[in-house]
Amino acid sequence: MAGCFLVTLYEYSPLFYISVVSLCFVVTAAIVLGWFGFDVPVILRGSDDAQSILPTPEKKMVQVTNPFSLEMGSGFASVADGVWLKPCCLEPCVLSCFWGCEVSVLQRALQAHQGGSGFSTPHHFQDALHHFYHHCQTFFISSEDREERYTRIPADQGLTDFGPLPRQCYPLVAVLTLVEQEARDAYNIVASVSVIHVPDNKHNLSARILFQYLLTSQGNMYELKALFMSANGSGESDHPDTDPVTGPSEPECEEEEDQQVAAVVEGDEEDDQCWSEGQGRDCVVCQNAAVNRVLLPCRHACVCDSCVAHFQHCPICRAFIQESFVLTLGPAASEQ
């Protein structure tokens, strides 16, 4: 009965005839395009067809040694009461704390470094800032020194805040520079500039490092950015607002002038020891191999060398993967 109805409809309905011909044409065109490698909608593919995934481009990196590290101290921080800073250096250095440094002046100073001025001593920075700051305090830091340093604006200045938002000056700019000329010649990175927010009466956001820049002897400037790693093997990631805890290490700098340097957000001492030995946390995908790939631009370090080729989106945040680079130069990286 149904067959007779379809035959009758086919003979007396031009619309049905046109629909059948159009459907046959679409299916045939999809098969031909799929055969020659053109992408077709998923609904036209067979269930057993494997979806082709383009390999993630690998970003070329080069290792350089960063002799500087600066963290927020453990004490309470405010403009009126001061702030504790914890520097850590591979060589003797000088920590210069500039309170109330004007934003435009600091930007011009950094641009001047890129223009060829070459800032490598505290006096260079003081001259470049043209004394457009409220107070400057310096500390000598030895290579074995791990103590925190306390800095504050003198009470006789009576400064308790830096005005309403948007502000014209940074609360605190901390600059680390090498002391010895031999060290400046040995390291490519000669200075570290950290822009720090300090709470006051007008803006009570907790104290944190806003930006960190590394200045090289060739006149380049790189922004130090944190890599976000899973908190454990289950794939939970560190919150991006967490202050980066970066010790003196060998961060991998990009060969291209992309103005950024990668630094791992480290955990406890046990995790640090694992990374120093070339053994990190397990891959969040296979749970077998160690994490050895950093995904860009989200900067999640969560997959191994094998699993990175099977994804176009980050397993942690689902952001599209544009590039990736090797985290540690292990056996897998050596083979590539």
Protein backbone atom coordinates (compact mmCIF):
# COMPACT_ATOMS: atom_id res chain seq x y z
CA MET A 1 0.00 0.00 0.00
CA ALA A 2 2.79 2.42 0.97
CA GLY A 3 4.71 1.48 -2.18
CA CYS A 4 1.69 2.23 -4.40
CA PHE A 5 1.24 5.59 -2.65
CA LEU A 6 4.91 6.57 -3.28
CA VAL A 7 4.70 5.51 -6.95
CA THR A 8 1.52 7.54 -7.43
CA LEU A 9 3.05 10.54 -5.68
CA TYR A 10 6.15 10.22 -7.85
CA GLU A 11 4.09 10.18 -11.07
CA TYR A 12 1.72 13.07 -10.29
CA SER A 13 3.81 15.39 -7.98
CA PRO A 14 6.61 17.46 -9.62
CA LEU A 15 7.65 18.76 -6.20
CA PHE A 16 8.37 15.26 -4.92
CA TYR A 17 10.35 14.54 -8.08
CA ILE A 18 12.45 17.67 -7.67
CA SER A 19 13.13 16.89 -3.97
CA VAL A 20 14.36 13.37 -4.76
CA VAL A 21 16.67 14.62 -7.50
CA SER A 22 18.05 17.40 -5.25
CA LEU A 23 18.72 14.99 -2.40
CA CYS A 24 20.56 12.60 -4.73
CA PHE A 25 22.64 15.51 -6.03
CA VAL A 26 23.63 16.71 -2.54
CA VAL A 27 24.64 13.23 -1.39
CA THR A 28 26.66 12.61 -4.57
CA ALA A 29 28.41 16.00 -4.29
CA ALA A 30 29.29 15.33 -0.63
CA ILE A 31 30.79 11.96 -1.51
CA VAL A 32 32.88 13.46 -4.32
CA LEU A 33 34.11 16.38 -2.20
CA GLY A 34 34.96 14.05 0.67
CA TRP A 35 36.90 11.79 -1.68
CA PHE A 36 39.09 14.67 -2.89
CA GLY A 37 39.79 15.86 0.66
CA PHE A 38 37.38 18.80 0.97
CA ASP A 39 35.70 19.26 4.32
CA VAL A 40 31.99 18.39 4.41
CA PRO A 41 29.39 18.83 7.16
CA VAL A 42 29.53 16.26 9.93
CA ILE A 43 25.92 15.18 9.27
CA LEU A 44 26.94 13.87 5.82
CA ARG A 45 29.84 11.77 7.17
CA GLY A 46 29.70 8.17 8.12
CA SER A 47 29.86 7.27 11.80
CA ASP A 48 33.07 5.32 11.23
CA ASP A 49 34.89 8.18 9.49
CA ALA A 50 37.65 9.63 11.66
CA GLN A 51 37.67 13.39 11.83
CA SER A 52 40.92 14.78 10.50
CA ILE A 53 42.80 17.00 12.97
CA LEU A 54 45.50 19.34 11.74
CA PRO A 55 48.77 19.15 13.70
CA THR A 56 49.33 21.96 16.19
CA PRO A 57 52.12 24.29 15.02
CA GLU A 58 55.16 24.18 17.26
CA LYS A 59 56.62 27.46 18.44
CA LYS A 60 60.40 27.67 18.25
CA MET A 61 61.91 28.46 21.63
CA VAL A 62 65.38 29.11 23.00
CA GLN A 63 66.44 28.77 26.64
CA VAL A 64 67.93 31.69 28.53
CA THR A 65 68.85 31.98 32.19
CA ASN A 66 66.81 34.38 34.30
CA PRO A 67 68.91 35.41 37.32
CA PHE A 68 66.06 37.32 39.00
CA SER A 69 62.99 36.40 40.99
CA LEU A 70 60.63 38.56 43.03
CA GLU A 71 57.63 37.46 45.09
CA MET A 72 55.23 39.16 47.43
CA GLY A 73 56.23 38.79 51.06
CA SER A 74 54.19 37.19 53.81
CA GLY A 75 53.42 40.35 55.76
CA PHE A 76 50.48 42.74 55.48
CA ALA A 77 50.79 45.26 52.65
CA SER A 78 49.38 48.78 52.30
CA VAL A 79 50.56 52.18 51.14
CA ALA A 80 50.54 53.55 54.67
CA ASP A 81 52.18 50.53 56.36
CA GLY A 82 54.54 49.43 53.58
CA VAL A 83 55.03 46.08 51.89
CA TRP A 84 57.27 43.01 52.25
CA LEU A 85 59.08 41.72 49.16
CA LYS A 86 61.01 38.49 48.74
CA PRO A 87 63.78 38.75 46.14
CA CYS A 88 65.87 35.78 45.06
CA CYS A 89 68.84 36.10 42.71
CA LEU A 90 71.52 33.87 41.28
CA GLU A 91 74.07 36.70 41.46
CA PRO A 92 74.52 39.69 43.79
CA CYS A 93 71.99 42.33 42.78
CA VAL A 94 70.35 45.58 43.87
CA LEU A 95 66.63 45.88 44.60
CA SER A 96 65.34 49.40 43.88
CA CYS A 97 61.81 50.24 45.05
CA PHE A 98 60.19 53.27 43.38
CA TRP A 99 57.00 54.38 45.16
CA GLY A 100 54.42 56.35 43.16
CA CYS A 101 56.15 56.05 39.80
CA GLU A 102 54.21 57.76 37.02
CA VAL A 103 52.78 55.38 34.41
CA SER A 104 53.73 57.44 31.37
CA VAL A 105 57.27 58.00 32.65
CA LEU A 106 57.84 54.28 33.23
CA GLN A 107 56.51 53.46 29.76
CA ARG A 108 58.84 56.00 28.17
CA ALA A 109 61.76 54.59 30.14
CA LEU A 110 61.04 51.06 28.91
CA GLN A 111 60.71 52.34 25.35
CA ALA A 112 64.02 54.14 25.74
CA HIS A 113 65.64 50.83 26.75
CA GLN A 114 64.32 49.25 23.58
CA GLY A 115 65.57 52.24 21.63
CA GLY A 116 69.15 51.54 22.65
CA SER A 117 69.65 53.32 25.97
CA GLY A 118 70.37 50.04 27.78
CA PHE A 119 69.33 50.15 31.46
CA SER A 120 71.44 47.83 33.61
CA THR A 121 72.12 49.78 36.84
CA PRO A 122 69.90 51.54 39.42
CA HIS A 123 71.32 54.92 38.35
CA HIS A 124 70.19 54.27 34.78
CA PHE A 125 66.64 53.78 35.98
CA GLN A 126 66.68 56.81 38.24
CA ASP A 127 67.88 58.98 35.36
CA ALA A 128 65.31 57.47 32.97
CA LEU A 129 62.44 58.12 35.42
CA HIS A 130 63.59 61.75 35.84
CA HIS A 131 62.74 61.49 39.54
CA PHE A 132 59.00 61.35 38.77
CA TYR A 133 58.32 59.22 41.83
CA HIS A 134 57.61 59.93 45.50
CA HIS A 135 60.27 57.82 47.17
CA CYS A 136 63.10 55.46 46.25
CA GLN A 137 64.61 52.81 48.51
CA THR A 138 67.41 50.38 47.60
CA PHE A 139 68.59 47.06 49.08
CA PHE A 140 71.62 44.91 48.40
CA ILE A 141 70.73 41.25 47.75
CA SER A 142 73.42 38.57 47.81
CA SER A 143 73.15 35.32 45.88
CA GLU A 144 72.54 33.33 49.10
CA ASP A 145 70.10 35.83 50.60
CA ARG A 146 66.52 34.58 50.91
CA GLU A 147 65.23 37.08 53.47
CA GLU A 148 62.27 39.37 52.84
CA ARG A 149 62.79 43.11 52.47
CA TYR A 150 60.48 45.75 53.95
CA THR A 151 59.90 48.97 52.05
CA ARG A 152 57.54 51.87 52.73
CA ILE A 153 57.02 55.55 52.06
CA PRO A 154 58.39 57.75 54.88
CA ALA A 155 55.66 58.77 57.31
CA ASP A 156 56.64 62.45 57.09
CA GLN A 157 55.35 62.54 53.49
CA GLY A 158 51.84 61.85 54.78
CA LEU A 159 50.91 59.81 51.69
CA THR A 160 48.14 57.27 52.30
CA ASP A 161 46.73 56.74 48.78
CA PHE A 162 47.41 57.54 45.13
CA GLY A 163 44.04 59.06 44.30
CA PRO A 164 40.90 57.69 42.63
CA LEU A 165 40.81 55.44 39.56
CA PRO A 166 42.10 55.71 36.88
CA ARG A 167 45.45 56.56 38.40
CA GLN A 168 48.38 58.34 36.86
CA CYS A 169 51.03 56.44 38.79
CA TYR A 170 51.83 52.90 39.90
CA PRO A 171 51.92 52.32 43.67
CA LEU A 172 55.24 50.45 43.55
CA VAL A 173 57.77 49.54 40.87
CA ALA A 174 60.52 47.12 41.97
CA VAL A 175 63.66 46.88 39.82
CA LEU A 176 66.32 44.20 40.18
CA THR A 177 69.72 44.81 38.59
CA LEU A 178 73.02 42.95 38.71
CA VAL A 179 75.85 44.44 40.77
CA GLU A 180 78.96 43.05 39.11
CA GLN A 181 79.98 43.90 35.57
CA GLU A 182 81.12 40.31 35.02
CA ALA A 183 77.60 39.09 35.74
CA ARG A 184 76.10 41.60 33.30
CA ASP A 185 78.41 40.27 30.60
CA ALA A 186 77.58 36.65 31.44
CA TYR A 187 73.76 36.94 31.46
CA ASN A 188 71.55 37.98 28.58
CA ILE A 189 68.93 39.29 31.04
CA VAL A 190 70.36 42.27 32.95
CA ALA A 191 67.33 43.72 34.75
CA SER A 192 63.86 42.80 36.00
CA VAL A 193 61.04 45.34 36.35
CA SER A 194 57.99 44.41 38.47
CA VAL A 195 54.88 46.61 38.67
CA ILE A 196 53.16 45.94 42.00
CA HIS A 197 49.73 46.96 43.23
CA VAL A 198 49.60 47.98 46.90
CA PRO A 199 46.19 48.57 48.53
CA ASP A 200 45.30 51.92 50.05
CA ASN A 201 42.25 53.83 51.32
CA LYS A 202 40.85 54.43 47.81
CA HIS A 203 41.49 51.00 46.24
CA ASN A 204 41.68 48.01 48.61
CA LEU A 205 42.45 45.26 46.09
CA SER A 206 44.95 42.83 47.65
CA ALA A 207 48.64 43.35 46.96
CA ARG A 208 49.88 41.52 43.88
CA ILE A 209 52.35 41.70 41.02
CA LEU A 210 50.61 43.19 37.99
CA PHE A 211 53.37 42.98 35.37
CA GLN A 212 56.91 41.69 35.19
CA TYR A 213 59.34 42.64 32.45
CA LEU A 214 62.81 41.27 31.71
CA LEU A 215 65.32 43.58 30.03
CA THR A 216 68.16 42.14 27.97
CA SER A 217 71.60 43.47 27.19
CA GLN A 218 70.62 43.73 23.49
CA GLY A 219 67.90 46.27 24.26
CA ASN A 220 64.94 43.85 24.12
CA MET A 221 62.09 43.66 26.61
CA TYR A 222 60.05 40.54 27.39
CA GLU A 223 56.96 40.24 29.55
CA LEU A 224 57.18 37.44 32.08
CA LYS A 225 53.96 35.39 31.99
CA ALA A 226 52.88 32.46 34.12
CA LEU A 227 52.11 28.97 32.86
CA PHE A 228 49.02 27.43 34.42
CA MET A 229 49.32 23.80 35.45
CA SER A 230 46.76 21.36 36.76
CA ALA A 231 46.55 21.31 40.54
CA ASN A 232 46.55 17.52 40.48
CA GLY A 233 46.15 14.63 38.10
CA SER A 234 42.41 15.23 37.71
CA GLY A 235 42.98 18.24 35.45
CA GLU A 236 42.05 21.13 37.74
CA SER A 237 43.97 24.22 36.78
CA ASP A 238 45.46 26.98 38.88
CA HIS A 239 43.44 30.18 38.87
CA PRO A 240 44.89 32.76 36.46
CA ASP A 241 44.70 35.48 39.13
CA THR A 242 47.18 33.64 41.32
CA ASP A 243 50.47 35.49 41.70
CA PRO A 244 53.18 33.72 39.74
CA VAL A 245 55.74 32.14 42.03
CA THR A 246 58.81 31.96 39.85
CA GLY A 247 62.25 31.20 41.14
CA PRO A 248 65.50 31.90 39.29
CA SER A 249 65.45 29.41 36.48
CA GLU A 250 65.92 28.94 32.77
CA PRO A 251 62.65 30.08 31.20
CA GLU A 252 62.09 29.32 27.54
CA CYS A 253 62.03 32.53 25.52
CA GLU A 254 60.45 32.73 22.12
CA GLU A 255 62.81 33.16 19.19
CA GLU A 256 60.30 35.49 17.56
CA GLU A 257 60.03 38.95 19.11
CA ASP A 258 56.66 38.26 20.75
CA GLN A 259 57.66 40.11 23.92
CA GLN A 260 56.89 37.35 26.39
CA VAL A 261 58.75 34.80 28.44
CA ALA A 262 57.24 31.67 29.93
CA ALA A 263 57.59 30.84 33.61
CA VAL A 264 56.02 27.88 35.38
CA VAL A 265 53.56 28.49 38.21
CA GLU A 266 55.19 26.28 40.76
CA GLY A 267 53.58 24.43 43.64
CA ASP A 268 55.19 22.94 46.69
CA GLU A 269 58.82 21.87 47.04
CA GLU A 270 58.05 18.32 45.98
CA ASP A 271 56.64 19.55 42.67
CA ASP A 272 59.64 21.82 42.15
CA GLN A 273 61.98 18.88 42.65
CA CYS A 274 60.02 16.83 40.11
CA TRP A 275 60.32 19.54 37.52
CA SER A 276 64.02 20.02 38.15
CA GLU A 277 64.49 16.31 37.51
CA GLY A 278 62.47 16.51 34.28
CA GLN A 279 59.44 14.72 35.71
CA GLY A 280 56.24 16.75 35.96
CA ARG A 281 52.61 15.93 36.61
CA ASP A 282 50.83 13.36 34.49
CA CYS A 283 49.07 14.30 31.27
CA VAL A 284 45.40 15.12 31.90
CA VAL A 285 44.39 13.12 28.81
CA CYS A 286 46.27 9.80 28.95
CA GLN A 287 47.28 9.96 32.66
CA ASN A 288 50.40 8.06 31.68
CA ALA A 289 53.15 10.31 30.32
CA ALA A 290 54.48 13.45 31.99
CA VAL A 291 53.21 16.89 31.00
CA ASN A 292 55.65 18.36 28.50
CA ARG A 293 53.61 20.72 26.30
CA VAL A 294 52.40 24.28 26.85
CA LEU A 295 49.38 25.34 24.81
CA LEU A 296 49.08 28.86 23.44
CA PRO A 297 47.52 31.33 23.84
CA CYS A 298 45.86 30.02 27.05
CA ARG A 299 49.28 28.93 28.49
CA HIS A 300 47.96 25.70 30.03
CA ALA A 301 50.64 23.05 30.57
CA CYS A 302 48.50 19.92 30.71
CA VAL A 303 49.32 17.43 27.94
CA CYS A 304 52.23 15.25 26.89
CA ASP A 305 54.07 15.14 23.57
CA SER A 306 51.85 12.36 22.19
CA CYS A 307 48.43 13.73 23.14
CA VAL A 308 49.04 17.27 21.85
CA ALA A 309 48.66 16.03 18.26
CA HIS A 310 45.08 14.84 18.88
CA PHE A 311 43.51 18.11 20.06
CA GLN A 312 42.54 21.43 18.53
CA HIS A 313 41.08 22.77 21.80
CA CYS A 314 42.67 22.96 25.25
CA PRO A 315 41.44 20.09 27.50
CA ILE A 316 41.30 22.50 30.46
CA CYS A 317 39.60 25.68 29.17
CA ARG A 318 38.45 24.57 25.68
CA ALA A 319 40.26 27.52 24.05
CA PHE A 320 41.41 27.00 20.47
CA ILE A 321 45.07 25.93 20.30
CA GLN A 322 47.10 28.13 18.00
CA GLU A 323 50.59 26.93 18.94
CA SER A 324 52.44 24.84 21.50
CA PHE A 325 56.00 24.53 22.74
CA VAL A 326 58.06 22.00 24.66
CA LEU A 327 58.26 22.58 28.40
CA THR A 328 61.36 20.51 29.19
CA LEU A 329 64.03 19.21 26.89
CA GLY A 330 63.45 15.54 27.67
CA PRO A 331 63.95 12.48 25.44
CA ALA A 332 60.70 13.12 23.58
CA ALA A 333 61.71 16.68 22.80
CA SER A 334 65.15 15.59 21.66
CA GLU A 335 63.62 13.21 19.14
CA GLN A 336 61.50 16.01 17.67
